[in-house]
Amino acid sequence: MKANVGAMLALALSAQTMVLAQQRETPPVRLAPVAANIYEVLEGQGARGGAYIGSDAVVLIDAKMDKNSVDQTIAEVRKLTDKPIRYLINTHSDGDHVQGNQFFPPGVIIVAHENCRNEFFHPGRDGAPSEWSKPELAPFIPGITFRDKMDLYVGPKKIELRYFGTGHTTGDAVVYFPDDRIAFVGDMVFLTRPQLIHTYKGGNSLEHVRTLQKMLDTLDAEKFCGGHEEVFDRASIRAHIEQMRKMQARIEALMKEGKDLETIRKEFKDNEARLVEAVYLDLKKARGQ
């Protein structure tokens, strides 16, 4: 019995040590200024997000993943203003951007593209049913949606919510501050690692290129804030588009040679495997195969 108790205590201490280690490894949430009253929300558990502190309210962009990170986000905002958090905008439905929705206080209005809301209920990559179907989570799903464009006004400040088409998912929203020429684009652009295309949510690598080009043609933004990248510029997006086009052309040429997916994967880096598969499947679909 004493041996069992000792083993149980050892397991408990080990689990506690692991939790504390994880907490130490995750830097606390902080706000980094991008322009006057516009911030990136960095660190914590989850993707990079954004915050705008307006004359009468606060707008947050994306929600982190856990209660601790949400609490830290709110605490950082409170260091700058006591104005209420009125809107939370979800750029898309990935868990590292929306899981924290459920930890915001009542009264925060959650906004997203209509396809993003639908994707809250989409099965996971492994086919598992969505947890967002649970009735207790209903208040934390976007309650206001838009199709092509919607304007939010916080005092005199205009914030444009734009939709340019399918890409990373089917519901990626761009949050644009026209006065400042700053756009928050979620996961529409990856620069330091291969682009994620969630085909299981309806994302499409061919449409991704067209969607990004449409965004550049429509917005005169100079700074872009992404979910997993340092602030980047228009030239970076153009280079990303060109890189995607070259990959698509290369994969299409290999397909014309009769090579299958497994053979084509070997022509690329290991970390590009998922993107190669997405491009391959999208090209097959475009051919009607």
Protein backbone atom coordinates (compact mmCIF):
# COMPACT_ATOMS: atom_id res chain seq x y z
CA MET A 1 0.00 0.00 0.00
CA LYS A 2 2.80 2.40 0.93
CA ALA A 3 4.48 1.67 -2.40
CA ASN A 4 1.23 2.46 -4.27
CA VAL A 5 0.81 5.76 -2.39
CA GLY A 6 4.40 6.67 -3.18
CA ALA A 7 3.88 5.89 -6.85
CA MET A 8 0.70 7.98 -6.94
CA LEU A 9 2.47 10.92 -5.31
CA ALA A 10 5.32 10.63 -7.77
CA LEU A 11 2.88 10.66 -10.71
CA ALA A 12 1.04 13.68 -9.30
CA LEU A 13 4.29 15.59 -8.80
CA SER A 14 5.42 14.66 -12.30
CA ALA A 15 2.15 15.90 -13.82
CA GLN A 16 2.37 19.15 -11.84
CA THR A 17 5.96 19.63 -12.97
CA MET A 18 4.94 19.16 -16.60
CA VAL A 19 2.14 21.75 -16.28
CA LEU A 20 4.48 24.27 -14.66
CA ALA A 21 7.10 23.64 -17.34
CA GLN A 22 4.54 24.24 -20.08
CA GLN A 23 3.45 27.47 -18.41
CA ARG A 24 7.07 28.65 -18.22
CA GLU A 25 7.66 27.80 -21.89
CA THR A 26 4.71 29.89 -23.09
CA PRO A 27 5.54 33.60 -22.95
CA PRO A 28 2.73 35.76 -21.56
CA VAL A 29 0.45 37.67 -23.90
CA ARG A 30 1.64 41.13 -24.89
CA LEU A 31 0.45 43.90 -27.17
CA ALA A 32 2.84 45.24 -29.80
CA PRO A 33 1.93 48.54 -31.51
CA VAL A 34 1.53 48.55 -35.29
CA ALA A 35 0.04 52.06 -35.58
CA ALA A 36 -1.75 54.53 -33.30
CA ASN A 37 -4.19 52.47 -31.20
CA ILE A 38 -3.69 49.35 -33.37
CA TYR A 39 -1.79 46.43 -31.87
CA GLU A 40 -0.77 42.87 -32.57
CA VAL A 41 -1.72 40.46 -29.78
CA LEU A 42 1.33 38.23 -29.39
CA GLU A 43 2.44 35.18 -27.40
CA GLY A 44 0.21 33.12 -25.12
CA GLN A 45 -1.42 29.94 -26.42
CA GLY A 46 -2.69 30.45 -29.96
CA ALA A 47 -2.03 32.48 -33.07
CA ARG A 48 -1.12 36.13 -33.34
CA GLY A 49 -4.16 38.40 -33.26
CA GLY A 50 -4.97 42.07 -33.14
CA ALA A 51 -6.54 44.82 -31.06
CA TYR A 52 -7.91 48.27 -31.81
CA ILE A 53 -8.53 50.66 -28.95
CA GLY A 54 -11.16 53.10 -30.12
CA SER A 55 -12.68 56.25 -28.68
CA ASP A 56 -15.53 54.37 -27.04
CA ALA A 57 -14.78 50.64 -27.34
CA VAL A 58 -12.21 47.96 -28.10
CA VAL A 59 -12.14 45.54 -31.06
CA LEU A 60 -10.16 42.31 -30.82
CA ILE A 61 -9.10 40.17 -33.77
CA ASP A 62 -8.95 36.43 -32.99
CA ALA A 63 -9.14 34.84 -29.60
CA LYS A 64 -6.14 32.67 -28.61
CA MET A 65 -6.82 29.13 -27.35
CA ASP A 66 -7.25 28.95 -23.59
CA LYS A 67 -8.68 30.87 -20.65
CA ASN A 68 -5.29 31.94 -19.35
CA SER A 69 -4.35 33.56 -22.66
CA VAL A 70 -7.74 35.27 -22.97
CA ASP A 71 -7.47 36.58 -19.40
CA GLN A 72 -3.98 37.87 -20.17
CA THR A 73 -5.23 39.55 -23.35
CA ILE A 74 -7.98 41.34 -21.46
CA ALA A 75 -5.52 42.34 -18.72
CA GLU A 76 -3.13 43.82 -21.31
CA VAL A 77 -5.98 45.79 -22.88
CA ARG A 78 -6.99 47.04 -19.43
CA LYS A 79 -3.50 48.51 -18.96
CA LEU A 80 -4.30 50.84 -21.88
CA THR A 81 -8.02 51.54 -21.51
CA ASP A 82 -11.09 50.84 -19.42
CA LYS A 83 -13.37 51.01 -22.46
CA PRO A 84 -15.44 47.86 -23.05
CA ILE A 85 -14.44 45.13 -25.47
CA ARG A 86 -17.35 45.37 -27.91
CA TYR A 87 -16.34 43.18 -30.87
CA LEU A 88 -14.31 40.02 -31.34
CA ILE A 89 -13.63 39.26 -35.01
CA ASN A 90 -12.66 35.72 -36.02
CA THR A 91 -10.56 35.75 -39.19
CA HIS A 92 -11.32 32.04 -39.75
CA SER A 93 -12.31 28.92 -37.83
CA ASP A 94 -8.99 27.28 -36.86
CA GLY A 95 -8.77 26.39 -33.19
CA ASP A 96 -5.71 28.52 -32.49
CA HIS A 97 -7.76 31.55 -33.54
CA VAL A 98 -11.21 30.75 -32.11
CA GLN A 99 -10.94 28.28 -29.23
CA GLY A 100 -10.63 31.20 -26.82
CA ASN A 101 -14.02 32.62 -27.86
CA GLN A 102 -15.65 30.70 -25.02
CA PHE A 103 -13.61 32.51 -22.36
CA PHE A 104 -14.69 36.05 -23.21
CA PRO A 105 -17.26 37.76 -20.98
CA PRO A 106 -20.93 38.03 -21.96
CA GLY A 107 -21.78 40.96 -24.17
CA VAL A 108 -18.83 40.68 -26.54
CA ILE A 109 -20.20 40.51 -30.10
CA ILE A 110 -18.46 37.85 -32.20
CA VAL A 111 -18.22 38.59 -35.93
CA ALA A 112 -16.97 36.44 -38.84
CA HIS A 113 -17.56 35.58 -42.46
CA GLU A 114 -20.65 33.42 -42.97
CA ASN A 115 -18.53 30.47 -44.19
CA CYS A 116 -16.37 30.75 -41.08
CA ARG A 117 -19.43 30.35 -38.89
CA ASN A 118 -20.46 27.28 -40.89
CA GLU A 119 -16.99 25.81 -40.46
CA PHE A 120 -17.32 25.97 -36.67
CA PHE A 121 -19.61 22.93 -37.09
CA HIS A 122 -17.42 21.14 -39.63
CA PRO A 123 -15.89 17.78 -38.55
CA GLY A 124 -12.21 17.86 -37.70
CA ARG A 125 -9.43 16.67 -39.98
CA ASP A 126 -9.83 13.20 -38.45
CA GLY A 127 -13.59 13.24 -39.01
CA ALA A 128 -14.43 13.78 -35.34
CA PRO A 129 -17.60 15.85 -34.75
CA SER A 130 -17.16 19.49 -33.82
CA GLU A 131 -17.32 20.43 -30.14
CA TRP A 132 -18.99 23.70 -31.17
CA SER A 133 -22.25 21.77 -31.60
CA LYS A 134 -22.54 21.59 -27.81
CA PRO A 135 -25.41 23.86 -26.66
CA GLU A 136 -23.31 25.50 -23.94
CA LEU A 137 -20.90 26.83 -26.58
CA ALA A 138 -23.62 28.42 -28.74
CA PRO A 139 -23.09 31.94 -27.27
CA PHE A 140 -19.45 31.87 -28.38
CA ILE A 141 -20.03 31.15 -32.07
CA PRO A 142 -20.10 34.19 -34.38
CA GLY A 143 -23.50 35.85 -34.02
CA ILE A 144 -23.00 38.40 -36.79
CA THR A 145 -21.76 37.35 -40.22
CA PHE A 146 -21.17 38.98 -43.57
CA ARG A 147 -20.83 37.81 -47.17
CA ASP A 148 -18.62 40.19 -49.17
CA LYS A 149 -18.04 43.34 -47.12
CA MET A 150 -19.14 44.85 -43.84
CA ASP A 151 -18.13 48.08 -42.12
CA LEU A 152 -17.76 48.47 -38.36
CA TYR A 153 -17.58 51.91 -36.80
CA VAL A 154 -15.96 52.39 -33.42
CA GLY A 155 -16.57 56.04 -32.74
CA PRO A 156 -15.44 57.76 -35.97
CA LYS A 157 -13.08 54.89 -36.88
CA LYS A 158 -14.07 52.76 -39.85
CA ILE A 159 -12.98 49.12 -39.92
CA GLU A 160 -13.70 47.15 -43.09
CA LEU A 161 -14.34 43.41 -43.03
CA ARG A 162 -13.61 41.97 -46.47
CA TYR A 163 -13.97 38.60 -48.13
CA PHE A 164 -11.98 37.82 -51.26
CA GLY A 165 -12.69 34.12 -51.75
CA THR A 166 -11.61 30.60 -50.90
CA GLY A 167 -8.00 29.87 -50.00
CA HIS A 168 -6.68 28.65 -46.65
CA THR A 169 -10.33 27.84 -45.80
CA THR A 170 -13.63 28.92 -47.35
CA GLY A 171 -14.21 31.61 -44.73
CA ASP A 172 -11.07 33.74 -44.38
CA ALA A 173 -11.88 37.36 -43.50
CA VAL A 174 -9.57 40.34 -43.90
CA VAL A 175 -9.85 43.04 -41.24
CA TYR A 176 -8.79 46.28 -42.87
CA PHE A 177 -8.06 49.68 -41.32
CA PRO A 178 -8.22 51.95 -44.39
CA ASP A 179 -7.05 55.11 -42.61
CA ASP A 180 -3.89 53.31 -41.54
CA ARG A 181 -3.52 50.99 -44.55
CA ILE A 182 -3.15 48.00 -42.24
CA ALA A 183 -4.78 44.60 -42.86
CA PHE A 184 -5.08 41.61 -40.52
CA VAL A 185 -5.25 38.50 -42.70
CA GLY A 186 -5.24 35.53 -40.31
CA ASP A 187 -3.66 32.51 -41.97
CA MET A 188 -4.07 33.63 -45.57
CA VAL A 189 -0.30 34.05 -45.92
CA PHE A 190 2.53 31.88 -44.58
CA LEU A 191 6.03 33.11 -45.40
CA THR A 192 8.44 31.19 -43.18
CA ARG A 193 6.85 27.76 -43.62
CA PRO A 194 4.70 26.09 -46.29
CA GLN A 195 1.24 27.53 -46.77
CA LEU A 196 -1.54 25.65 -45.00
CA ILE A 197 -4.54 24.81 -47.17
CA HIS A 198 -7.31 23.09 -45.22
CA THR A 199 -8.83 20.95 -47.95
CA TYR A 200 -10.99 19.18 -45.36
CA LYS A 201 -12.71 22.54 -44.78
CA GLY A 202 -13.01 23.30 -48.49
CA GLY A 203 -9.77 25.26 -48.81
CA ASN A 204 -8.23 25.30 -52.28
CA SER A 205 -4.62 26.05 -53.25
CA LEU A 206 -5.49 27.25 -56.77
CA GLU A 207 -8.17 29.60 -55.47
CA HIS A 208 -5.75 30.71 -52.76
CA VAL A 209 -3.55 32.40 -55.36
CA ARG A 210 -6.50 34.13 -57.03
CA THR A 211 -7.87 35.25 -53.67
CA LEU A 212 -4.58 36.84 -52.62
CA GLN A 213 -4.23 38.60 -55.95
CA LYS A 214 -7.76 39.96 -55.63
CA MET A 215 -6.92 41.24 -52.14
CA LEU A 216 -3.85 43.08 -53.45
CA ASP A 217 -5.81 44.50 -56.37
CA THR A 218 -8.60 45.74 -54.07
CA LEU A 219 -6.83 47.06 -50.97
CA ASP A 220 -4.14 49.71 -50.80
CA ALA A 221 -2.79 48.23 -47.58
CA GLU A 222 0.91 48.65 -46.87
CA LYS A 223 1.24 46.51 -43.73
CA PHE A 224 -0.19 43.01 -43.29
CA CYS A 225 -0.49 41.19 -39.97
CA GLY A 226 -0.72 37.41 -40.16
CA GLY A 227 -1.49 34.69 -37.66
CA HIS A 228 2.02 33.22 -37.67
CA GLU A 229 4.35 35.79 -39.25
CA GLU A 230 6.01 39.07 -38.45
CA VAL A 231 4.34 42.08 -40.06
CA PHE A 232 4.92 41.88 -43.83
CA ASP A 233 4.37 44.00 -46.94
CA ARG A 234 2.84 43.77 -50.41
CA ALA A 235 6.11 42.60 -51.96
CA SER A 236 6.16 39.63 -49.58
CA ILE A 237 2.66 38.61 -50.69
CA ARG A 238 3.59 38.95 -54.37
CA ALA A 239 6.63 36.72 -53.76
CA HIS A 240 4.40 34.21 -51.96
CA ILE A 241 1.97 34.15 -54.89
CA GLU A 242 4.83 33.55 -57.32
CA GLN A 243 6.21 30.75 -55.17
CA MET A 244 2.77 29.08 -55.06
CA ARG A 245 2.39 29.37 -58.84
CA LYS A 246 5.80 27.79 -59.41
CA MET A 247 4.91 24.87 -57.13
CA GLN A 248 1.59 24.38 -58.92
CA ALA A 249 3.29 24.43 -62.34
CA ARG A 250 5.93 21.95 -61.20
CA ILE A 251 3.38 19.54 -59.75
CA GLU A 252 1.21 19.82 -62.86
CA ALA A 253 4.22 18.99 -65.06
CA LEU A 254 5.00 15.92 -62.93
CA MET A 255 1.38 14.81 -63.14
CA LYS A 256 1.53 15.06 -66.94
CA GLU A 257 4.51 12.71 -66.78
CA GLY A 258 2.21 10.19 -65.13
CA LYS A 259 3.71 10.41 -61.66
CA ASP A 260 1.47 9.66 -58.68
CA LEU A 261 1.18 11.63 -55.45
CA GLU A 262 3.72 9.58 -53.49
CA THR A 263 6.31 9.96 -56.24
CA ILE A 264 5.65 13.70 -56.55
CA ARG A 265 6.02 14.20 -52.79
CA LYS A 266 9.60 12.95 -53.02
CA GLU A 267 10.43 15.86 -55.33
CA PHE A 268 9.76 18.34 -52.52
CA LYS A 269 10.88 18.98 -48.96
CA ASP A 270 9.38 16.85 -46.19
CA ASN A 271 7.61 19.83 -44.60
CA GLU A 272 5.89 20.58 -47.93
CA ALA A 273 4.10 17.22 -48.06
CA ARG A 274 0.70 18.52 -46.97
CA LEU A 275 0.77 21.45 -49.39
CA VAL A 276 1.93 19.18 -52.24
CA GLU A 277 -1.03 16.91 -51.56
CA ALA A 278 -3.44 19.87 -51.56
CA VAL A 279 -2.09 21.17 -54.88
CA TYR A 280 -2.18 17.66 -56.40
CA LEU A 281 -5.80 17.09 -55.37
CA ASP A 282 -6.85 20.58 -56.50
CA LEU A 283 -5.25 20.04 -59.91
CA LYS A 284 -7.02 16.70 -60.26
CA LYS A 285 -10.30 18.34 -59.33
CA ALA A 286 -9.70 21.13 -61.86
CA ARG A 287 -9.21 18.43 -64.51
CA GLY A 288 -12.48 16.82 -63.51
CA GLN A 289 -10.76 13.68 -62.26
